[in-house]
Amino acid sequence: MTSPHPAHARISIVGAGPGGLTCARILQKHGIEVTVHDRDEGPDARDQGGTLDLHADNGQIALREAGLLAEFFALARPEGQEMRQLNPAGLITSHRVPGPDDMFKPEIDRGRLRDLLLDSLRPGTVRWGRRLDHVGGPARGPRLLHFTDGTTVEADLVIGADGAFSRVRPAVSPAVPRYSGVSFLEAWFSDVEARHPEIAELVGQGGAHAADGERAVFAQRNGGDHIRVYLIQRVPADWITASGLAAGDTDAVRARLLESYAHWSPRLRRLITDNDGPYVDRPIFALPVPHTWEPDPTVTLLGDAAHLMPPLGVGVNLAMLDASDLALSLANAATVEDAVRAYEEIMLPRSTETARTLEGGAEHLLTTEVPDFGDDTPGPAADTDEFPADVRS
């Protein structure tokens, strides 16, 4: 099969996260048709996760190409760049406060960013309730997207923007994510100014981090008077079930956490005792480094599907920059195959360099230094249903 011109190609993006939606938006700006398939039943099917920042040298570049930078600035919270480092006694050891005009990496809730991108697309671009099983068809095309409901879609280019446990990735790479040895347990706090004023004061307008080398906490102000807290530990991936517990057994998990954090100050342990609702278990995975594959004229990857790394401030920003580079390559190439090759020649070296820098970096989350969580606090809670069976058990 001869590779078609991008303007005449059937392009399917799998995954309606920031990366997939950014790619679709830029493609549509350049007059290229695209369809996005997402497993969610609709845009409000699940919580979209916490807050993230978009950096001027990557995420904001993508939004500028998407024609949405001004809208982003209108929604963003520059005060969210504040960062406090505390010791286990609850005392502040360092404190970064953004300047009044600092817009290098302002915060925005993931849900608000997703809505901004969704609203910029033509109606019907996203096909909801489309859970991909696998990608079939010959490498030269056309490709077949096989969905779990038994339906198929034919495409000239499949773009995997479907995250850590991508269903598209096996079409080009046998790599699977590996557990880092570090796990997050997410806790939520709502109406914090009225119901949790001590925690609101502790966290401030941005984030607060404390660690003792074996365990840590990271608390992050979200919009809408919410705070999310991530309890970070060096534990086996299945530590909850191995302890005879279930993630939904909030009281029992809390009791285990209080044992682990027993020597921490009562002020910080309120982040364990006062949360609203159950915990969410989030083992941290990463892809092998380097993660590359032989060029394929009909399938490519972006974001975590291409280069899952420890959560140290680059994930969403790189995904959106990937999306921009891929969309612009398609807008300027003579064929889809040429566009994919040009994109991967940019993306793969960039992601390999970054991944080498962050390799093993999950351990850095437990140090007493201030880690750059940046945009990489976890996303939608339902991502956990994509963990391998031995982790989910």
Protein backbone atom coordinates (compact mmCIF):
# COMPACT_ATOMS: atom_id res chain seq x y z
CA MET A 1 0.00 0.00 0.00
CA THR A 2 1.32 3.46 -0.92
CA SER A 3 1.43 5.82 2.03
CA PRO A 4 -1.27 8.49 1.52
CA HIS A 5 -0.98 12.25 1.81
CA PRO A 6 -1.98 13.23 5.37
CA ALA A 7 -4.89 15.31 4.06
CA HIS A 8 -6.38 12.17 2.51
CA ALA A 9 -5.50 9.73 5.30
CA ARG A 10 -7.78 8.09 7.83
CA ILE A 11 -6.11 9.06 11.12
CA SER A 12 -7.20 7.51 14.42
CA ILE A 13 -5.89 8.67 17.79
CA VAL A 14 -6.40 6.29 20.71
CA GLY A 15 -6.71 8.16 24.00
CA ALA A 16 -8.44 11.46 24.81
CA GLY A 17 -5.92 12.74 27.32
CA PRO A 18 -3.98 16.01 26.92
CA GLY A 19 -1.60 14.49 24.36
CA GLY A 20 -4.22 12.92 22.12
CA LEU A 21 -6.50 15.95 22.24
CA THR A 22 -3.64 18.37 21.55
CA CYS A 23 -2.67 16.36 18.48
CA ALA A 24 -6.27 16.32 17.23
CA ARG A 25 -6.69 20.06 17.77
CA ILE A 26 -3.54 20.98 15.83
CA LEU A 27 -4.40 18.56 13.02
CA GLN A 28 -7.85 20.14 12.68
CA LYS A 29 -6.30 23.62 12.65
CA HIS A 30 -4.35 22.49 9.59
CA GLY A 31 -7.39 21.04 7.85
CA ILE A 32 -6.57 17.37 8.52
CA GLU A 33 -9.40 15.04 9.50
CA VAL A 34 -8.92 12.95 12.64
CA THR A 35 -10.95 10.76 14.97
CA VAL A 36 -10.16 10.19 18.65
CA HIS A 37 -11.25 6.96 20.35
CA ASP A 38 -11.47 6.80 24.14
CA ARG A 39 -12.52 4.04 26.50
CA ASP A 40 -14.50 6.38 28.80
CA GLU A 41 -18.26 6.41 28.30
CA GLY A 42 -18.18 10.21 28.15
CA PRO A 43 -16.12 13.25 29.13
CA ASP A 44 -17.43 13.18 32.72
CA ALA A 45 -17.21 9.42 33.24
CA ARG A 46 -14.45 9.64 35.85
CA ASP A 47 -12.34 11.97 37.89
CA GLN A 48 -9.57 13.44 35.74
CA GLY A 49 -6.95 13.68 38.47
CA GLY A 50 -5.18 16.54 40.16
CA THR A 51 -3.42 19.65 39.01
CA LEU A 52 -0.49 19.99 36.62
CA ASP A 53 1.77 22.69 35.34
CA LEU A 54 2.54 23.53 31.74
CA HIS A 55 6.05 24.77 31.07
CA ALA A 56 6.91 27.64 28.78
CA ASP A 57 9.48 25.52 26.92
CA ASN A 58 7.23 22.57 26.03
CA GLY A 59 3.57 22.39 27.12
CA GLN A 60 2.94 26.06 26.40
CA ILE A 61 4.61 25.70 22.99
CA ALA A 62 2.04 23.03 22.14
CA LEU A 63 -0.83 25.21 23.33
CA ARG A 64 0.46 28.08 21.21
CA GLU A 65 0.41 25.80 18.14
CA ALA A 66 -3.12 24.79 19.14
CA GLY A 67 -4.19 28.45 19.32
CA LEU A 68 -5.19 28.03 22.98
CA LEU A 69 -2.42 29.73 24.94
CA ALA A 70 -4.43 32.83 25.87
CA GLU A 71 -7.32 30.65 27.03
CA PHE A 72 -4.90 28.60 29.12
CA PHE A 73 -3.49 31.68 30.83
CA ALA A 74 -7.03 32.82 31.66
CA LEU A 75 -7.67 29.51 33.46
CA ALA A 76 -4.25 28.86 35.00
CA ARG A 77 -3.17 29.52 38.58
CA PRO A 78 0.31 31.09 38.66
CA GLU A 79 0.17 31.11 42.47
CA GLY A 80 0.16 27.31 42.27
CA GLN A 81 3.91 27.44 41.56
CA GLU A 82 4.51 27.97 45.28
CA MET A 83 6.46 25.05 46.80
CA ARG A 84 7.17 24.25 50.44
CA GLN A 85 9.67 21.69 51.72
CA LEU A 86 9.06 20.44 55.25
CA ASN A 87 10.85 18.01 57.52
CA PRO A 88 9.02 15.16 59.29
CA ALA A 89 8.61 17.44 62.30
CA GLY A 90 6.40 19.69 60.14
CA LEU A 91 8.83 22.61 59.97
CA ILE A 92 9.41 24.45 56.70
CA THR A 93 13.00 24.03 55.50
CA SER A 94 12.65 25.80 52.15
CA HIS A 95 9.94 27.86 50.50
CA ARG A 96 9.66 28.93 46.85
CA VAL A 97 7.18 31.72 46.14
CA PRO A 98 6.48 32.73 42.51
CA GLY A 99 6.78 36.34 41.47
CA PRO A 100 3.65 38.27 40.53
CA ASP A 101 4.38 37.94 36.78
CA ASP A 102 5.84 34.43 36.84
CA MET A 103 4.08 32.41 34.13
CA PHE A 104 6.83 29.88 33.42
CA LYS A 105 4.82 26.89 34.69
CA PRO A 106 1.44 27.93 36.12
CA GLU A 107 -0.93 25.25 37.40
CA ILE A 108 -4.21 24.09 35.91
CA ASP A 109 -6.47 21.22 36.94
CA ARG A 110 -6.29 18.30 34.54
CA GLY A 111 -10.04 18.39 34.11
CA ARG A 112 -10.04 22.05 33.11
CA LEU A 113 -7.24 21.50 30.61
CA ARG A 114 -9.08 18.52 29.14
CA ASP A 115 -12.27 20.57 28.83
CA LEU A 116 -10.35 23.38 27.12
CA LEU A 117 -8.99 20.94 24.55
CA LEU A 118 -12.27 19.07 24.08
CA ASP A 119 -14.23 22.28 23.52
CA SER A 120 -11.75 23.32 20.82
CA LEU A 121 -12.48 20.24 18.67
CA ARG A 122 -15.20 19.84 16.09
CA PRO A 123 -18.31 18.10 17.45
CA GLY A 124 -18.09 14.33 17.09
CA THR A 125 -14.29 14.20 16.94
CA VAL A 126 -14.10 12.05 20.07
CA ARG A 127 -15.83 8.66 19.98
CA TRP A 128 -16.57 7.68 23.58
CA GLY A 129 -16.94 4.17 24.96
CA ARG A 130 -14.36 2.77 22.53
CA ARG A 131 -12.10 0.44 24.53
CA LEU A 132 -9.30 -0.81 22.28
CA ASP A 133 -8.29 -4.47 22.43
CA HIS A 134 -5.48 -4.45 19.88
CA VAL A 135 -4.24 -3.06 16.58
CA GLY A 136 -4.19 -5.49 13.64
CA GLY A 137 -3.58 -5.31 9.92
CA PRO A 138 -0.33 -5.21 7.92
CA ALA A 139 2.43 -2.74 8.71
CA ARG A 140 1.97 -1.08 5.32
CA GLY A 141 -1.71 -0.64 6.08
CA PRO A 142 -4.51 -0.34 6.30
CA ARG A 143 -4.55 -0.95 10.05
CA LEU A 144 -7.54 -2.33 11.93
CA LEU A 145 -8.45 -1.12 15.40
CA HIS A 146 -10.17 -4.00 17.20
CA PHE A 147 -12.39 -2.83 20.06
CA THR A 148 -13.58 -4.98 22.93
CA ASP A 149 -17.21 -4.73 21.77
CA GLY A 150 -16.28 -6.65 18.61
CA THR A 151 -16.29 -3.64 16.24
CA THR A 152 -13.37 -2.57 14.06
CA VAL A 153 -12.18 0.67 12.48
CA GLU A 154 -9.85 0.91 9.50
CA ALA A 155 -7.08 3.52 9.60
CA ASP A 156 -4.09 4.65 7.56
CA LEU A 157 -2.38 5.93 10.73
CA VAL A 158 -2.94 4.89 14.34
CA ILE A 159 -1.55 7.21 17.02
CA GLY A 160 -1.19 5.64 20.45
CA ALA A 161 -1.88 8.32 23.05
CA ASP A 162 -3.33 5.81 25.50
CA GLY A 163 -0.90 6.05 28.37
CA ALA A 164 1.22 3.76 30.50
CA PHE A 165 -0.43 0.46 29.60
CA SER A 166 -1.08 1.35 25.98
CA ARG A 167 -3.03 -1.10 23.82
CA VAL A 168 -1.41 0.46 20.72
CA ARG A 169 2.20 0.01 21.85
CA PRO A 170 2.38 -3.77 21.12
CA ALA A 171 1.91 -3.01 17.41
CA VAL A 172 5.41 -1.50 17.33
CA SER A 173 7.17 -2.56 20.54
CA PRO A 174 7.19 -5.53 22.95
CA ALA A 175 8.23 -3.30 25.87
CA VAL A 176 6.10 -3.30 29.01
CA PRO A 177 6.31 -0.96 32.00
CA ARG A 178 8.23 -2.15 35.04
CA TYR A 179 7.44 -1.36 38.66
CA SER A 180 9.83 1.25 40.08
CA GLY A 181 9.77 0.05 43.68
CA VAL A 182 7.94 3.20 44.78
CA SER A 183 4.19 3.52 45.21
CA PHE A 184 1.78 6.43 45.70
CA LEU A 185 -1.39 6.30 47.75
CA GLU A 186 -3.67 9.19 46.86
CA ALA A 187 -5.96 10.93 49.37
CA TRP A 188 -8.47 13.75 48.75
CA PHE A 189 -9.52 16.74 50.81
CA SER A 190 -12.55 18.87 49.83
CA ASP A 191 -13.79 22.29 50.99
CA VAL A 192 -10.42 22.69 52.60
CA GLU A 193 -10.68 26.30 53.77
CA ALA A 194 -13.80 25.52 55.83
CA ARG A 195 -13.38 21.82 56.66
CA HIS A 196 -9.58 21.39 56.73
CA PRO A 197 -8.12 24.83 57.56
CA GLU A 198 -4.97 23.42 59.19
CA ILE A 199 -4.15 21.41 56.09
CA ALA A 200 -4.94 24.38 53.84
CA GLU A 201 -2.49 26.48 55.84
CA LEU A 202 0.14 23.74 55.76
CA VAL A 203 0.00 23.33 51.97
CA GLY A 204 -0.41 26.98 50.93
CA GLN A 205 -1.37 27.84 47.36
CA GLY A 206 0.87 25.32 45.64
CA GLY A 207 2.53 22.15 46.90
CA ALA A 208 4.19 20.89 50.08
CA HIS A 209 6.63 17.98 50.29
CA ALA A 210 8.21 16.16 53.22
CA ALA A 211 10.37 13.02 53.27
CA ASP A 212 12.64 10.98 55.53
CA GLY A 213 14.43 8.78 52.96
CA GLU A 214 12.02 5.84 53.21
CA ARG A 215 8.64 7.54 52.86
CA ALA A 216 7.31 10.92 51.81
CA VAL A 217 4.18 12.98 51.38
CA PHE A 218 3.35 15.43 48.64
CA ALA A 219 0.30 17.65 49.07
CA GLN A 220 -0.96 19.72 46.15
CA ARG A 221 -3.53 22.50 46.02
CA ASN A 222 -6.11 21.97 43.27
CA GLY A 223 -8.78 24.32 42.02
CA GLY A 224 -12.24 24.36 43.54
CA ASP A 225 -10.99 24.40 47.15
CA HIS A 226 -9.53 20.88 46.89
CA ILE A 227 -6.20 19.39 47.97
CA ARG A 228 -4.77 16.05 46.87
CA VAL A 229 -2.17 14.26 48.93
CA TYR A 230 0.16 11.52 47.72
CA LEU A 231 1.64 9.23 50.39
CA ILE A 232 4.84 7.86 48.86
CA GLN A 233 6.57 4.71 50.06
CA ARG A 234 9.23 2.22 49.01
CA VAL A 235 7.07 -0.92 49.10
CA PRO A 236 6.19 -3.92 46.91
CA ALA A 237 3.65 -3.11 44.21
CA ASP A 238 1.09 -5.36 45.91
CA TRP A 239 1.82 -4.15 49.44
CA ILE A 240 -1.85 -3.59 50.29
CA THR A 241 -3.09 -7.06 49.36
CA ALA A 242 0.11 -8.67 50.69
CA SER A 243 -0.80 -7.12 54.06
CA GLY A 244 -4.22 -8.76 53.90
CA LEU A 245 -5.92 -5.43 53.18
CA ALA A 246 -8.01 -3.95 50.39
CA ALA A 247 -7.56 -0.44 49.01
CA GLY A 248 -11.20 0.32 49.77
CA ASP A 249 -10.79 -0.60 53.45
CA THR A 250 -9.93 2.95 54.43
CA ASP A 251 -9.71 2.45 58.19
CA ALA A 252 -7.40 -0.56 57.94
CA VAL A 253 -5.13 1.08 55.35
CA ARG A 254 -5.04 4.25 57.45
CA ALA A 255 -3.99 2.27 60.52
CA ARG A 256 -1.13 0.70 58.52
CA LEU A 257 -0.05 4.13 57.28
CA LEU A 258 -0.07 5.58 60.78
CA GLU A 259 2.32 2.81 61.81
CA SER A 260 4.64 3.63 58.92
CA TYR A 261 4.54 7.38 59.63
CA ALA A 262 4.48 7.00 63.45
CA HIS A 263 7.56 9.18 64.02
CA TRP A 264 6.20 12.07 61.92
CA SER A 265 4.60 15.11 63.54
CA PRO A 266 0.87 15.13 64.34
CA ARG A 267 0.60 18.12 61.99
CA LEU A 268 1.76 16.07 59.01
CA ARG A 269 -0.09 12.92 60.05
CA ARG A 270 -3.35 14.82 59.59
CA LEU A 271 -2.69 14.23 55.90
CA ILE A 272 -3.31 10.55 56.71
CA THR A 273 -6.11 10.83 59.27
CA ASP A 274 -8.36 13.59 57.88
CA ASN A 275 -8.86 12.67 54.21
CA ASP A 276 -12.33 12.54 52.66
CA GLY A 277 -13.14 9.11 51.24
CA PRO A 278 -10.98 6.10 50.33
CA TYR A 279 -7.39 5.98 49.17
CA VAL A 280 -6.36 5.31 45.57
CA ASP A 281 -3.44 2.92 45.06
CA ARG A 282 -0.95 4.06 42.40
CA PRO A 283 2.24 1.97 41.96
CA ILE A 284 4.76 3.91 39.88
CA PHE A 285 5.88 2.23 36.64
CA ALA A 286 8.39 3.19 33.95
CA LEU A 287 9.33 1.86 30.52
CA PRO A 288 12.85 0.50 29.87
CA VAL A 289 15.45 3.07 28.83
CA PRO A 290 15.94 3.59 25.98
CA HIS A 291 12.57 2.70 24.55
CA THR A 292 12.72 2.79 20.76
CA TRP A 293 11.24 0.76 17.91
CA GLU A 294 11.71 0.19 14.21
CA PRO A 295 9.88 2.79 12.10
CA ASP A 296 6.35 1.77 11.18
CA PRO A 297 4.55 3.74 8.46
CA THR A 298 1.10 3.26 10.00
CA VAL A 299 1.55 3.33 13.81
CA THR A 300 3.30 5.71 16.17
CA LEU A 301 3.15 6.65 19.85
CA LEU A 302 3.24 9.78 21.96
CA GLY A 303 3.41 10.62 25.66
CA ASP A 304 3.45 7.83 28.24
CA ALA A 305 2.66 5.26 25.55
CA ALA A 306 6.06 6.11 24.04
CA HIS A 307 8.17 7.03 27.09
CA LEU A 308 6.67 6.36 30.50
CA MET A 309 9.00 7.85 33.12
CA PRO A 310 9.00 8.40 36.89
CA PRO A 311 6.74 11.33 37.89
CA LEU A 312 9.32 14.09 38.07
CA GLY A 313 7.78 16.96 36.18
CA VAL A 314 7.84 16.11 32.47
CA GLY A 315 5.00 13.71 31.56
CA VAL A 316 2.13 15.86 30.32
CA ASN A 317 4.46 18.53 28.98
CA LEU A 318 6.35 16.00 26.86
CA ALA A 319 3.10 14.38 25.72
CA MET A 320 1.77 17.71 24.48
CA LEU A 321 5.07 18.61 22.81
CA ASP A 322 5.07 15.18 21.13
CA ALA A 323 1.51 15.84 19.97
CA SER A 324 2.46 19.20 18.51
CA ASP A 325 5.52 17.83 16.72
CA LEU A 326 3.56 14.92 15.25
CA ALA A 327 0.65 17.09 14.10
CA LEU A 328 2.99 19.63 12.49
CA SER A 329 4.93 16.84 10.77
CA LEU A 330 1.67 15.54 9.31
CA ALA A 331 0.68 19.04 8.23
CA ASN A 332 3.95 19.54 6.35
CA ALA A 333 4.81 16.10 4.91
CA ALA A 334 4.07 14.63 1.50
CA THR A 335 3.02 11.27 2.98
CA VAL A 336 2.00 9.84 6.34
CA GLU A 337 5.10 7.65 6.32
CA ASP A 338 7.35 10.70 5.83
CA ALA A 339 5.57 12.49 8.67
CA VAL A 340 5.93 9.61 11.11
CA ARG A 341 9.62 9.25 10.30
CA ALA A 342 10.26 12.98 10.75
CA TYR A 343 8.36 13.04 14.04
CA GLU A 344 10.13 10.02 15.51
CA GLU A 345 13.53 11.43 14.51
CA ILE A 346 12.72 14.33 16.85
CA MET A 347 10.75 12.59 19.59
CA LEU A 348 12.78 9.43 20.22
CA PRO A 349 16.17 11.10 20.88
CA ARG A 350 14.48 13.74 23.04
CA SER A 351 12.58 11.21 25.13
CA THR A 352 15.62 8.94 25.46
CA GLU A 353 17.75 11.80 26.76
CA THR A 354 15.08 12.80 29.27
CA ALA A 355 14.41 9.21 30.33
CA ARG A 356 18.12 8.58 30.95
CA THR A 357 18.20 11.64 33.18
CA LEU A 358 15.19 10.43 35.17
CA GLU A 359 15.99 6.69 35.17
CA GLY A 360 15.59 5.39 38.71
CA GLY A 361 14.28 8.79 39.70
CA ALA A 362 11.34 7.41 41.64
CA GLU A 363 13.77 7.07 44.55
CA HIS A 364 14.28 10.84 44.40
CA LEU A 365 10.70 11.26 45.55
CA LEU A 366 11.75 9.92 48.96
CA THR A 367 14.72 12.23 49.49
CA THR A 368 14.69 15.30 51.67
CA GLU A 369 15.40 17.46 48.62
CA VAL A 370 12.54 19.23 46.84
CA PRO A 371 11.56 17.01 43.88
CA ASP A 372 10.05 18.61 40.79
CA PHE A 373 6.73 16.79 40.67
CA GLY A 374 5.58 19.40 38.19
CA ASP A 375 2.89 18.05 35.88
CA ASP A 376 3.35 14.46 36.96
CA THR A 377 1.06 13.83 39.84
CA PRO A 378 -1.17 10.96 38.74
CA GLY A 379 -4.07 11.37 36.37
CA PRO A 380 -7.47 9.67 36.25
CA ALA A 381 -8.13 7.19 39.02
CA ALA A 382 -9.43 4.62 36.54
CA ASP A 383 -5.91 4.25 35.15
CA THR A 384 -5.50 1.65 37.89
CA ASP A 385 -7.67 -0.80 35.97
CA GLU A 386 -4.88 -0.96 33.40
CA PHE A 387 -2.32 -2.38 35.87
CA PRO A 388 -1.12 -5.92 35.15
CA ALA A 389 -3.16 -8.64 36.84
CA ASP A 390 -0.46 -9.46 39.37
CA VAL A 391 -0.59 -5.85 40.61
CA ARG A 392 -4.36 -5.55 40.63
CA SER A 393 -4.94 -8.72 42.64
